[in-house]
Amino acid sequence: MSKIVRTEPGTILAKAVEFHGFVYLQGCTATDLSKDIKGQTREVLASIDELLEIHGTDKTRLLQALIWVKDMRDREALNEVWSAWLPKDGAPARACVQATLADPRHLVEIMVTVCK
């Protein structure tokens, strides 16, 4: 039977789950909620980089991204940071939708799936 690796599992979620060479990340949000959309996006992407490193992979192996924004008018600013972070020709399949997030100060939440 294949091993399932869970990073920091809690009662309702794990930060990441690895199975059969795929790594599924939780929805990542910023911790400094005083930042604007660009600042929160940079912080979220840095968290994603850290989690991927723990699992021996990186953003060059992105397959899918799900992005939730508090206000769709922030999408252009988010995309500026997102595009600069992506590796050349490395864009994943992606969805970006407006949503009510758990804390109204959160402006963005990003969840990715990568392979090893």
PDB file of N, CA and C in Angstrom:
ATOM      1  N   MET A   1       0.848  -1.177   0.000  1.00  0.00           N
ATOM      2  CA  MET A   1       0.000   0.000   0.000  1.00  0.00           C
ATOM      3  C   MET A   1       0.897   1.245   0.000  1.00  0.00           C
ATOM      4  N   SER A   2       0.514   2.260  -0.781  1.00  0.00           N
ATOM      5  CA  SER A   2       1.288   3.493  -0.876  1.00  0.00           C
ATOM      6  C   SER A   2       1.159   4.315   0.394  1.00  0.00           C
ATOM      7  N   LYS A   3       2.258   4.945   0.738  1.00  0.00           N
ATOM      8  CA  LYS A   3       2.311   5.757   1.947  1.00  0.00           C
ATOM      9  C   LYS A   3       1.712   7.140   1.681  1.00  0.00           C
ATOM     10  N   ILE A   4       0.931   7.632   2.628  1.00  0.00           N
ATOM     11  CA  ILE A   4       0.395   8.993   2.592  1.00  0.00           C
ATOM     12  C   ILE A   4       1.152   9.795   3.636  1.00  0.00           C
ATOM     13  N   VAL A   5       1.741  10.918   3.219  1.00  0.00           N
ATOM     14  CA  VAL A   5       2.497  11.783   4.126  1.00  0.00           C
ATOM     15  C   VAL A   5       1.678  13.046   4.365  1.00  0.00           C
ATOM     16  N   ARG A   6       1.403  13.337   5.630  1.00  0.00           N
ATOM     17  CA  ARG A   6       0.639  14.534   6.001  1.00  0.00           C
ATOM     18  C   ARG A   6       1.551  15.487   6.772  1.00  0.00           C
ATOM     19  N   THR A   7       1.597  16.728   6.330  1.00  0.00           N
ATOM     20  CA  THR A   7       2.411  17.746   6.985  1.00  0.00           C
ATOM     21  C   THR A   7       1.552  18.520   7.977  1.00  0.00           C
ATOM     22  N   GLU A   8       1.961  18.465   9.247  1.00  0.00           N
ATOM     23  CA  GLU A   8       1.261  19.148  10.331  1.00  0.00           C
ATOM     24  C   GLU A   8      -0.253  18.890  10.310  1.00  0.00           C
ATOM     25  N   PRO A   9      -0.648  17.620  10.390  1.00  0.00           N
ATOM     26  CA  PRO A   9      -2.080  17.334  10.390  1.00  0.00           C
ATOM     27  C   PRO A   9      -2.746  17.839  11.662  1.00  0.00           C
ATOM     28  N   GLY A  10      -3.899  18.407  11.498  1.00  0.00           N
ATOM     29  CA  GLY A  10      -4.691  18.885  12.630  1.00  0.00           C
ATOM     30  C   GLY A  10      -6.008  18.138  12.676  1.00  0.00           C
ATOM     31  N   THR A  11      -6.954  18.688  13.405  1.00  0.00           N
ATOM     32  CA  THR A  11      -8.248  18.020  13.534  1.00  0.00           C
ATOM     33  C   THR A  11      -9.122  18.201  12.297  1.00  0.00           C
ATOM     34  N   ILE A  12      -8.895  19.279  11.510  1.00  0.00           N
ATOM     35  CA  ILE A  12      -9.722  19.490  10.323  1.00  0.00           C
ATOM     36  C   ILE A  12      -8.942  19.557   9.010  1.00  0.00           C
ATOM     37  N   LEU A  13      -7.622  19.731   9.067  1.00  0.00           N
ATOM     38  CA  LEU A  13      -6.834  19.781   7.837  1.00  0.00           C
ATOM     39  C   LEU A  13      -5.364  19.561   8.129  1.00  0.00           C
ATOM     40  N   ALA A  14      -4.629  19.236   7.067  1.00  0.00           N
ATOM     41  CA  ALA A  14      -3.164  19.178   7.121  1.00  0.00           C
ATOM     42  C   ALA A  14      -2.654  20.293   6.210  1.00  0.00           C
ATOM     43  N   LYS A  15      -1.453  20.795   6.487  1.00  0.00           N
ATOM     44  CA  LYS A  15      -0.902  21.848   5.630  1.00  0.00           C
ATOM     45  C   LYS A  15      -0.641  21.332   4.221  1.00  0.00           C
ATOM     46  N   ALA A  16      -0.299  20.032   4.127  1.00  0.00           N
ATOM     47  CA  ALA A  16      -0.081  19.401   2.823  1.00  0.00           C
ATOM     48  C   ALA A  16      -0.280  17.909   2.978  1.00  0.00           C
ATOM     49  N   VAL A  17      -0.631  17.273   1.866  1.00  0.00           N
ATOM     50  CA  VAL A  17      -0.750  15.821   1.826  1.00  0.00           C
ATOM     51  C   VAL A  17      -0.037  15.345   0.574  1.00  0.00           C
ATOM     52  N   GLU A  18       0.861  14.374   0.753  1.00  0.00           N
ATOM     53  CA  GLU A  18       1.622  13.815  -0.357  1.00  0.00           C
ATOM     54  C   GLU A  18       1.199  12.363  -0.569  1.00  0.00           C
ATOM     55  N   PHE A  19       0.956  12.009  -1.840  1.00  0.00           N
ATOM     56  CA  PHE A  19       0.539  10.648  -2.173  1.00  0.00           C
ATOM     57  C   PHE A  19       0.890  10.371  -3.629  1.00  0.00           C
ATOM     58  N   HIS A  20       1.554   9.265  -3.879  1.00  0.00           N
ATOM     59  CA  HIS A  20       1.893   8.820  -5.243  1.00  0.00           C
ATOM     60  C   HIS A  20       2.595   9.899  -6.074  1.00  0.00           C
ATOM     61  N   GLY A  21       3.482  10.663  -5.457  1.00  0.00           N
ATOM     62  CA  GLY A  21       4.233  11.667  -6.201  1.00  0.00           C
ATOM     63  C   GLY A  21       3.508  12.982  -6.422  1.00  0.00           C
ATOM     64  N   PHE A  22       2.332  13.128  -5.833  1.00  0.00           N
ATOM     65  CA  PHE A  22       1.593  14.380  -5.917  1.00  0.00           C
ATOM     66  C   PHE A  22       1.541  15.019  -4.533  1.00  0.00           C
ATOM     67  N   VAL A  23       1.604  16.354  -4.501  1.00  0.00           N
ATOM     68  CA  VAL A  23       1.511  17.095  -3.247  1.00  0.00           C
ATOM     69  C   VAL A  23       0.349  18.069  -3.366  1.00  0.00           C
ATOM     70  N   TYR A  24      -0.581  17.946  -2.425  1.00  0.00           N
ATOM     71  CA  TYR A  24      -1.779  18.773  -2.379  1.00  0.00           C
ATOM     72  C   TYR A  24      -1.644  19.715  -1.187  1.00  0.00           C
ATOM     73  N   LEU A  25      -1.625  21.015  -1.450  1.00  0.00           N
ATOM     74  CA  LEU A  25      -1.491  21.989  -0.365  1.00  0.00           C
ATOM     75  C   LEU A  25      -2.852  22.469   0.117  1.00  0.00           C
ATOM     76  N   GLN A  26      -2.876  22.856   1.388  1.00  0.00           N
ATOM     77  CA  GLN A  26      -4.054  23.510   1.949  1.00  0.00           C
ATOM     78  C   GLN A  26      -4.257  24.851   1.252  1.00  0.00           C
ATOM     79  N   GLY A  27      -5.388  25.476   1.479  1.00  0.00           N
ATOM     80  CA  GLY A  27      -5.561  26.851   1.043  1.00  0.00           C
ATOM     81  C   GLY A  27      -4.697  27.729   1.927  1.00  0.00           C
ATOM     82  N   CYS A  28      -3.714  28.393   1.340  1.00  0.00           N
ATOM     83  CA  CYS A  28      -2.760  29.210   2.106  1.00  0.00           C
ATOM     84  C   CYS A  28      -3.227  30.669   2.129  1.00  0.00           C
ATOM     85  N   THR A  29      -3.131  31.279   3.301  1.00  0.00           N
ATOM     86  CA  THR A  29      -3.489  32.685   3.475  1.00  0.00           C
ATOM     87  C   THR A  29      -2.343  33.409   4.172  1.00  0.00           C
ATOM     88  N   ALA A  30      -2.371  34.718   4.099  1.00  0.00           N
ATOM     89  CA  ALA A  30      -1.352  35.546   4.745  1.00  0.00           C
ATOM     90  C   ALA A  30      -1.581  35.584   6.256  1.00  0.00           C
ATOM     91  N   THR A  31      -0.510  35.840   6.993  1.00  0.00           N
ATOM     92  CA  THR A  31      -0.643  36.032   8.437  1.00  0.00           C
ATOM     93  C   THR A  31      -0.668  37.518   8.793  1.00  0.00           C
ATOM     94  N   ASP A  32       0.002  38.348   7.978  1.00  0.00           N
ATOM     95  CA  ASP A  32      -0.022  39.797   8.206  1.00  0.00           C
ATOM     96  C   ASP A  32      -1.188  40.382   7.419  1.00  0.00           C
ATOM     97  N   LEU A  33      -2.317  40.523   8.079  1.00  0.00           N
ATOM     98  CA  LEU A  33      -3.540  40.951   7.411  1.00  0.00           C
ATOM     99  C   LEU A  33      -3.635  42.463   7.238  1.00  0.00           C
ATOM    100  N   SER A  34      -2.575  43.174   7.629  1.00  0.00           N
ATOM    101  CA  SER A  34      -2.547  44.616   7.379  1.00  0.00           C
ATOM    102  C   SER A  34      -2.041  44.910   5.962  1.00  0.00           C
ATOM    103  N   LYS A  35      -1.496  43.901   5.281  1.00  0.00           N
ATOM    104  CA  LYS A  35      -0.953  44.087   3.928  1.00  0.00           C
ATOM    105  C   LYS A  35      -2.072  44.196   2.896  1.00  0.00           C
ATOM    106  N   ASP A  36      -1.740  44.863   1.777  1.00  0.00           N
ATOM    107  CA  ASP A  36      -2.678  44.953   0.665  1.00  0.00           C
ATOM    108  C   ASP A  36      -2.649  43.648  -0.128  1.00  0.00           C
ATOM    109  N   ILE A  37      -3.376  43.582  -1.222  1.00  0.00           N
ATOM    110  CA  ILE A  37      -3.478  42.343  -1.998  1.00  0.00           C
ATOM    111  C   ILE A  37      -2.111  41.867  -2.492  1.00  0.00           C
ATOM    112  N   LYS A  38      -1.268  42.783  -2.929  1.00  0.00           N
ATOM    113  CA  LYS A  38       0.057  42.375  -3.401  1.00  0.00           C
ATOM    114  C   LYS A  38       0.890  41.815  -2.258  1.00  0.00           C
ATOM    115  N   GLY A  39       0.855  42.477  -1.111  1.00  0.00           N
ATOM    116  CA  GLY A  39       1.624  42.001   0.041  1.00  0.00           C
ATOM    117  C   GLY A  39       1.136  40.653   0.527  1.00  0.00           C
ATOM    118  N   GLN A  40      -0.180  40.484   0.608  1.00  0.00           N
ATOM    119  CA  GLN A  40      -0.713  39.192   1.041  1.00  0.00           C
ATOM    120  C   GLN A  40      -0.398  38.101   0.025  1.00  0.00           C
ATOM    121  N   THR A  41      -0.472  38.421  -1.260  1.00  0.00           N
ATOM    122  CA  THR A  41      -0.160  37.424  -2.286  1.00  0.00           C
ATOM    123  C   THR A  41       1.303  37.008  -2.189  1.00  0.00           C
ATOM    124  N   ARG A  42       2.208  37.952  -2.016  1.00  0.00           N
ATOM    125  CA  ARG A  42       3.634  37.613  -1.866  1.00  0.00           C
ATOM    126  C   ARG A  42       3.848  36.690  -0.666  1.00  0.00           C
ATOM    127  N   GLU A  43       3.187  37.003   0.438  1.00  0.00           N
ATOM    128  CA  GLU A  43       3.323  36.186   1.638  1.00  0.00           C
ATOM    129  C   GLU A  43       2.784  34.772   1.413  1.00  0.00           C
ATOM    130  N   VAL A  44       1.646  34.669   0.760  1.00  0.00           N
ATOM    131  CA  VAL A  44       1.061  33.357   0.468  1.00  0.00           C
ATOM    132  C   VAL A  44       1.989  32.548  -0.441  1.00  0.00           C
ATOM    133  N   LEU A  45       2.528  33.168  -1.470  1.00  0.00           N
ATOM    134  CA  LEU A  45       3.408  32.454  -2.395  1.00  0.00           C
ATOM    135  C   LEU A  45       4.696  32.008  -1.699  1.00  0.00           C
ATOM    136  N   ALA A  46       5.196  32.804  -0.778  1.00  0.00           N
ATOM    137  CA  ALA A  46       6.375  32.394   0.002  1.00  0.00           C
ATOM    138  C   ALA A  46       6.038  31.174   0.864  1.00  0.00           C
ATOM    139  N   SER A  47       4.839  31.150   1.445  1.00  0.00           N
ATOM    140  CA  SER A  47       4.409  29.990   2.236  1.00  0.00           C
ATOM    141  C   SER A  47       4.302  28.746   1.363  1.00  0.00           C
ATOM    142  N   ILE A  48       3.782  28.925   0.165  1.00  0.00           N
ATOM    143  CA  ILE A  48       3.687  27.805  -0.776  1.00  0.00           C
ATOM    144  C   ILE A  48       5.077  27.280  -1.104  1.00  0.00           C
ATOM    145  N   ASP A  49       6.010  28.175  -1.383  1.00  0.00           N
ATOM    146  CA  ASP A  49       7.393  27.761  -1.668  1.00  0.00           C
ATOM    147  C   ASP A  49       7.960  26.932  -0.514  1.00  0.00           C
ATOM    148  N   GLU A  50       7.735  27.374   0.713  1.00  0.00           N
ATOM    149  CA  GLU A  50       8.247  26.660   1.895  1.00  0.00           C
ATOM    150  C   GLU A  50       7.633  25.263   2.013  1.00  0.00           C
ATOM    151  N   LEU A  51       6.334  25.160   1.835  1.00  0.00           N
ATOM    152  CA  LEU A  51       5.678  23.854   1.929  1.00  0.00           C
ATOM    153  C   LEU A  51       6.139  22.912   0.818  1.00  0.00           C
ATOM    154  N   LEU A  52       6.312  23.447  -0.370  1.00  0.00           N
ATOM    155  CA  LEU A  52       6.775  22.599  -1.473  1.00  0.00           C
ATOM    156  C   LEU A  52       8.183  22.089  -1.207  1.00  0.00           C
ATOM    157  N   GLU A  53       9.042  22.940  -0.649  1.00  0.00           N
ATOM    158  CA  GLU A  53      10.406  22.531  -0.321  1.00  0.00           C
ATOM    159  C   GLU A  53      10.406  21.393   0.695  1.00  0.00           C
ATOM    160  N   ILE A  54       9.540  21.455   1.677  1.00  0.00           N
ATOM    161  CA  ILE A  54       9.429  20.382   2.672  1.00  0.00           C
ATOM    162  C   ILE A  54       9.168  19.040   1.986  1.00  0.00           C
ATOM    163  N   HIS A  55       8.406  19.088   0.898  1.00  0.00           N
ATOM    164  CA  HIS A  55       8.035  17.856   0.189  1.00  0.00           C
ATOM    165  C   HIS A  55       8.950  17.552  -0.994  1.00  0.00           C
ATOM    166  N   GLY A  56      10.067  18.267  -1.100  1.00  0.00           N
ATOM    167  CA  GLY A  56      11.051  17.964  -2.131  1.00  0.00           C
ATOM    168  C   GLY A  56      10.618  18.317  -3.547  1.00  0.00           C
ATOM    169  N   THR A  57       9.831  19.353  -3.670  1.00  0.00           N
ATOM    170  CA  THR A  57       9.413  19.805  -4.995  1.00  0.00           C
ATOM    171  C   THR A  57       9.397  21.328  -5.005  1.00  0.00           C
ATOM    172  N   ASP A  58       8.950  21.911  -6.098  1.00  0.00           N
ATOM    173  CA  ASP A  58       8.919  23.373  -6.186  1.00  0.00           C
ATOM    174  C   ASP A  58       7.895  23.821  -7.224  1.00  0.00           C
ATOM    175  N   LYS A  59       7.814  25.128  -7.413  1.00  0.00           N
ATOM    176  CA  LYS A  59       6.798  25.708  -8.284  1.00  0.00           C
ATOM    177  C   LYS A  59       6.979  25.351  -9.757  1.00  0.00           C
ATOM    178  N   THR A  60       8.121  24.838 -10.145  1.00  0.00           N
ATOM    179  CA  THR A  60       8.295  24.405 -11.534  1.00  0.00           C
ATOM    180  C   THR A  60       7.476  23.160 -11.835  1.00  0.00           C
ATOM    181  N   ARG A  61       6.921  22.537 -10.808  1.00  0.00           N
ATOM    182  CA  ARG A  61       6.133  21.300 -10.949  1.00  0.00           C
ATOM    183  C   ARG A  61       4.645  21.532 -10.719  1.00  0.00           C
ATOM    184  N   LEU A  62       4.215  22.806 -10.764  1.00  0.00           N
ATOM    185  CA  LEU A  62       2.807  23.155 -10.550  1.00  0.00           C
ATOM    186  C   LEU A  62       1.907  22.502 -11.593  1.00  0.00           C
ATOM    187  N   LEU A  63       0.810  21.946 -11.121  1.00  0.00           N
ATOM    188  CA  LEU A  63      -0.198  21.372 -12.012  1.00  0.00           C
ATOM    189  C   LEU A  63      -1.484  22.190 -12.000  1.00  0.00           C
ATOM    190  N   GLN A  64      -1.913  22.583 -10.807  1.00  0.00           N
ATOM    191  CA  GLN A  64      -3.198  23.258 -10.660  1.00  0.00           C
ATOM    192  C   GLN A  64      -3.134  24.279  -9.534  1.00  0.00           C
ATOM    193  N   ALA A  65      -3.850  25.380  -9.715  1.00  0.00           N
ATOM    194  CA  ALA A  65      -3.980  26.388  -8.660  1.00  0.00           C
ATOM    195  C   ALA A  65      -5.434  26.823  -8.564  1.00  0.00           C
ATOM    196  N   LEU A  66      -5.912  26.914  -7.344  1.00  0.00           N
ATOM    197  CA  LEU A  66      -7.241  27.445  -7.063  1.00  0.00           C
ATOM    198  C   LEU A  66      -7.036  28.701  -6.233  1.00  0.00           C
ATOM    199  N   ILE A  67      -7.564  29.820  -6.710  1.00  0.00           N
ATOM    200  CA  ILE A  67      -7.356  31.103  -6.052  1.00  0.00           C
ATOM    201  C   ILE A  67      -8.706  31.727  -5.724  1.00  0.00           C
ATOM    202  N   TRP A  68      -8.831  32.145  -4.466  1.00  0.00           N
ATOM    203  CA  TRP A  68     -10.020  32.858  -4.022  1.00  0.00           C
ATOM    204  C   TRP A  68      -9.591  34.271  -3.637  1.00  0.00           C
ATOM    205  N   VAL A  69     -10.296  35.269  -4.145  1.00  0.00           N
ATOM    206  CA  VAL A  69     -10.024  36.661  -3.781  1.00  0.00           C
ATOM    207  C   VAL A  69     -11.272  37.261  -3.137  1.00  0.00           C
ATOM    208  N   LYS A  70     -11.036  38.130  -2.193  1.00  0.00           N
ATOM    209  CA  LYS A  70     -12.157  38.798  -1.513  1.00  0.00           C
ATOM    210  C   LYS A  70     -12.909  39.693  -2.489  1.00  0.00           C
ATOM    211  N   ASP A  71     -12.152  40.365  -3.367  1.00  0.00           N
ATOM    212  CA  ASP A  71     -12.742  41.313  -4.304  1.00  0.00           C
ATOM    213  C   ASP A  71     -12.108  41.105  -5.678  1.00  0.00           C
ATOM    214  N   MET A  72     -12.902  40.759  -6.670  1.00  0.00           N
ATOM    215  CA  MET A  72     -12.385  40.473  -8.006  1.00  0.00           C
ATOM    216  C   MET A  72     -11.676  41.683  -8.612  1.00  0.00           C
ATOM    217  N   ARG A  73     -11.941  42.873  -8.096  1.00  0.00           N
ATOM    218  CA  ARG A  73     -11.217  44.048  -8.593  1.00  0.00           C
ATOM    219  C   ARG A  73      -9.738  43.989  -8.240  1.00  0.00           C
ATOM    220  N   ASP A  74      -9.355  43.124  -7.295  1.00  0.00           N
ATOM    221  CA  ASP A  74      -7.943  42.943  -6.919  1.00  0.00           C
ATOM    222  C   ASP A  74      -7.215  41.955  -7.825  1.00  0.00           C
ATOM    223  N   ARG A  75      -7.937  41.339  -8.747  1.00  0.00           N
ATOM    224  CA  ARG A  75      -7.360  40.276  -9.589  1.00  0.00           C
ATOM    225  C   ARG A  75      -6.144  40.754 -10.390  1.00  0.00           C
ATOM    226  N   GLU A  76      -6.207  41.937 -10.954  1.00  0.00           N
ATOM    227  CA  GLU A  76      -5.093  42.443 -11.757  1.00  0.00           C
ATOM    228  C   GLU A  76      -3.824  42.597 -10.916  1.00  0.00           C
ATOM    229  N   ALA A  77      -3.951  43.156  -9.716  1.00  0.00           N
ATOM    230  CA  ALA A  77      -2.795  43.317  -8.824  1.00  0.00           C
ATOM    231  C   ALA A  77      -2.272  41.950  -8.380  1.00  0.00           C
ATOM    232  N   LEU A  78      -3.168  41.034  -8.068  1.00  0.00           N
ATOM    233  CA  LEU A  78      -2.768  39.672  -7.718  1.00  0.00           C
ATOM    234  C   LEU A  78      -1.999  39.048  -8.875  1.00  0.00           C
ATOM    235  N   ASN A  79      -2.515  39.194 -10.095  1.00  0.00           N
ATOM    236  CA  ASN A  79      -1.868  38.592 -11.266  1.00  0.00           C
ATOM    237  C   ASN A  79      -0.466  39.146 -11.513  1.00  0.00           C
ATOM    238  N   GLU A  80      -0.229  40.398 -11.160  1.00  0.00           N
ATOM    239  CA  GLU A  80       1.122  40.965 -11.306  1.00  0.00           C
ATOM    240  C   GLU A  80       2.118  40.182 -10.453  1.00  0.00           C
ATOM    241  N   VAL A  81       1.760  39.947  -9.204  1.00  0.00           N
ATOM    242  CA  VAL A  81       2.633  39.206  -8.284  1.00  0.00           C
ATOM    243  C   VAL A  81       2.705  37.740  -8.707  1.00  0.00           C
ATOM    244  N   TRP A  82       1.574  37.144  -9.028  1.00  0.00           N
ATOM    245  CA  TRP A  82       1.497  35.740  -9.448  1.00  0.00           C
ATOM    246  C   TRP A  82       2.377  35.492 -10.672  1.00  0.00           C
ATOM    247  N   SER A  83       2.232  36.331 -11.693  1.00  0.00           N
ATOM    248  CA  SER A  83       2.987  36.148 -12.936  1.00  0.00           C
ATOM    249  C   SER A  83       4.493  36.274 -12.712  1.00  0.00           C
ATOM    250  N   ALA A  84       4.891  37.206 -11.856  1.00  0.00           N
ATOM    251  CA  ALA A  84       6.319  37.371 -11.552  1.00  0.00           C
ATOM    252  C   ALA A  84       6.866  36.148 -10.802  1.00  0.00           C
ATOM    253  N   TRP A  85       6.033  35.491 -10.008  1.00  0.00           N
ATOM    254  CA  TRP A  85       6.439  34.320  -9.211  1.00  0.00           C
ATOM    255  C   TRP A  85       6.530  33.057 -10.055  1.00  0.00           C
ATOM    256  N   LEU A  86       5.667  32.930 -11.058  1.00  0.00           N
ATOM    257  CA  LEU A  86       5.647  31.714 -11.863  1.00  0.00           C
ATOM    258  C   LEU A  86       6.946  31.523 -12.651  1.00  0.00           C
ATOM    259  N   PRO A  87       7.379  30.270 -12.799  1.00  0.00           N
ATOM    260  CA  PRO A  87       8.522  30.013 -13.674  1.00  0.00           C
ATOM    261  C   PRO A  87       8.117  30.240 -15.136  1.00  0.00           C
ATOM    262  N   LYS A  88       9.085  30.573 -15.986  1.00  0.00           N
ATOM    263  CA  LYS A  88       8.808  30.801 -17.408  1.00  0.00           C
ATOM    264  C   LYS A  88       8.133  29.564 -17.999  1.00  0.00           C
ATOM    265  N   ASP A  89       7.047  29.785 -18.687  1.00  0.00           N
ATOM    266  CA  ASP A  89       6.258  28.718 -19.317  1.00  0.00           C
ATOM    267  C   ASP A  89       5.777  27.677 -18.312  1.00  0.00           C
ATOM    268  N   GLY A  90       5.596  28.081 -17.054  1.00  0.00           N
ATOM    269  CA  GLY A  90       5.216  27.132 -16.009  1.00  0.00           C
ATOM    270  C   GLY A  90       3.844  27.376 -15.404  1.00  0.00           C
ATOM    271  N   ALA A  91       2.963  28.076 -16.126  1.00  0.00           N
ATOM    272  CA  ALA A  91       1.642  28.356 -15.569  1.00  0.00           C
ATOM    273  C   ALA A  91       0.832  27.067 -15.435  1.00  0.00           C
ATOM    274  N   PRO A  92       0.165  26.881 -14.294  1.00  0.00           N
ATOM    275  CA  PRO A  92      -0.675  25.697 -14.091  1.00  0.00           C
ATOM    276  C   PRO A  92      -2.089  25.932 -14.631  1.00  0.00           C
ATOM    277  N   ALA A  93      -2.893  24.890 -14.641  1.00  0.00           N
ATOM    278  CA  ALA A  93      -4.327  25.074 -14.819  1.00  0.00           C
ATOM    279  C   ALA A  93      -4.783  25.866 -13.596  1.00  0.00           C
ATOM    280  N   ARG A  94      -5.684  26.843 -13.790  1.00  0.00           N
ATOM    281  CA  ARG A  94      -5.999  27.738 -12.678  1.00  0.00           C
ATOM    282  C   ARG A  94      -7.431  28.222 -12.723  1.00  0.00           C
ATOM    283  N   ALA A  95      -7.982  28.408 -11.549  1.00  0.00           N
ATOM    284  CA  ALA A  95      -9.267  29.085 -11.393  1.00  0.00           C
ATOM    285  C   ALA A  95      -9.061  30.215 -10.405  1.00  0.00           C
ATOM    286  N   CYS A  96      -9.752  31.330 -10.634  1.00  0.00           N
ATOM    287  CA  CYS A  96      -9.696  32.466  -9.713  1.00  0.00           C
ATOM    288  C   CYS A  96     -11.117  32.990  -9.572  1.00  0.00           C
ATOM    289  N   VAL A  97     -11.626  32.911  -8.350  1.00  0.00           N
ATOM    290  CA  VAL A  97     -13.008  33.329  -8.105  1.00  0.00           C
ATOM    291  C   VAL A  97     -13.086  34.267  -6.908  1.00  0.00           C
ATOM    292  N   GLN A  98     -14.119  35.074  -6.893  1.00  0.00           N
ATOM    293  CA  GLN A  98     -14.386  35.935  -5.742  1.00  0.00           C
ATOM    294  C   GLN A  98     -15.128  35.117  -4.703  1.00  0.00           C
ATOM    295  N   ALA A  99     -14.744  35.278  -3.441  1.00  0.00           N
ATOM    296  CA  ALA A  99     -15.361  34.494  -2.374  1.00  0.00           C
ATOM    297  C   ALA A  99     -15.324  35.257  -1.055  1.00  0.00           C
ATOM    298  N   THR A 100     -16.212  34.885  -0.165  1.00  0.00           N
ATOM    299  CA  THR A 100     -16.170  35.374   1.204  1.00  0.00           C
ATOM    300  C   THR A 100     -15.210  34.466   1.955  1.00  0.00           C
ATOM    301  N   LEU A 101     -14.105  35.004   2.420  1.00  0.00           N
ATOM    302  CA  LEU A 101     -13.087  34.212   3.109  1.00  0.00           C
ATOM    303  C   LEU A 101     -13.382  34.162   4.607  1.00  0.00           C
ATOM    304  N   ALA A 102     -12.730  33.240   5.303  1.00  0.00           N
ATOM    305  CA  ALA A 102     -13.021  32.991   6.719  1.00  0.00           C
ATOM    306  C   ALA A 102     -12.864  34.234   7.593  1.00  0.00           C
ATOM    307  N   ASP A 103     -11.856  35.039   7.305  1.00  0.00           N
ATOM    308  CA  ASP A 103     -11.626  36.285   8.040  1.00  0.00           C
ATOM    309  C   ASP A 103     -11.755  37.416   7.019  1.00  0.00           C
ATOM    310  N   PRO A 104     -12.580  38.411   7.261  1.00  0.00           N
ATOM    311  CA  PRO A 104     -12.770  39.472   6.265  1.00  0.00           C
ATOM    312  C   PRO A 104     -11.507  40.266   5.940  1.00  0.00           C
ATOM    313  N   ARG A 105     -10.471  40.136   6.754  1.00  0.00           N
ATOM    314  CA  ARG A 105      -9.207  40.827   6.461  1.00  0.00           C
ATOM    315  C   ARG A 105      -8.356  40.057   5.460  1.00  0.00           C
ATOM    316  N   HIS A 106      -8.659  38.773   5.252  1.00  0.00           N
ATOM    317  CA  HIS A 106      -7.947  38.000   4.227  1.00  0.00           C
ATOM    318  C   HIS A 106      -8.412  38.486   2.855  1.00  0.00           C
ATOM    319  N   LEU A 107      -7.455  38.793   2.012  1.00  0.00           N
ATOM    320  CA  LEU A 107      -7.774  39.279   0.663  1.00  0.00           C
ATOM    321  C   LEU A 107      -7.597  38.200  -0.385  1.00  0.00           C
ATOM    322  N   VAL A 108      -6.818  37.143  -0.071  1.00  0.00           N
ATOM    323  CA  VAL A 108      -6.544  36.088  -1.045  1.00  0.00           C
ATOM    324  C   VAL A 108      -6.241  34.781  -0.326  1.00  0.00           C
ATOM    325  N   GLU A 109      -6.636  33.685  -0.955  1.00  0.00           N
ATOM    326  CA  GLU A 109      -6.291  32.332  -0.483  1.00  0.00           C
ATOM    327  C   GLU A 109      -5.929  31.538  -1.729  1.00  0.00           C
ATOM    328  N   ILE A 110      -4.819  30.804  -1.642  1.00  0.00           N
ATOM    329  CA  ILE A 110      -4.347  30.040  -2.803  1.00  0.00           C
ATOM    330  C   ILE A 110      -4.072  28.598  -2.389  1.00  0.00           C
ATOM    331  N   MET A 111      -4.535  27.675  -3.214  1.00  0.00           N
ATOM    332  CA  MET A 111      -4.350  26.240  -2.990  1.00  0.00           C
ATOM    333  C   MET A 111      -3.737  25.668  -4.275  1.00  0.00           C
ATOM    334  N   VAL A 112      -2.647  24.910  -4.141  1.00  0.00           N
ATOM    335  CA  VAL A 112      -2.017  24.347  -5.339  1.00  0.00           C
ATOM    336  C   VAL A 112      -1.828  22.837  -5.202  1.00  0.00           C
ATOM    337  N   THR A 113      -1.698  22.213  -6.368  1.00  0.00           N
ATOM    338  CA  THR A 113      -1.332  20.809  -6.482  1.00  0.00           C
ATOM    339  C   THR A 113      -0.091  20.741  -7.360  1.00  0.00           C
ATOM    340  N   VAL A 114       0.910  19.995  -6.907  1.00  0.00           N
ATOM    341  CA  VAL A 114       2.145  19.840  -7.681  1.00  0.00           C
ATOM    342  C   VAL A 114       2.510  18.364  -7.742  1.00  0.00           C
ATOM    343  N   CYS A 115       3.415  18.045  -8.656  1.00  0.00           N
ATOM    344  CA  CYS A 115       3.969  16.692  -8.682  1.00  0.00           C
ATOM    345  C   CYS A 115       5.432  16.782  -8.288  1.00  0.00           C
ATOM    346  N   LYS A 116       5.998  15.648  -7.958  1.00  0.00           N
ATOM    347  CA  LYS A 116       7.402  15.611  -7.540  1.00  0.00           C
ATOM    348  C   LYS A 116       8.303  15.384  -8.721  1.00  0.00           C
TER     349      LYS A 116
END
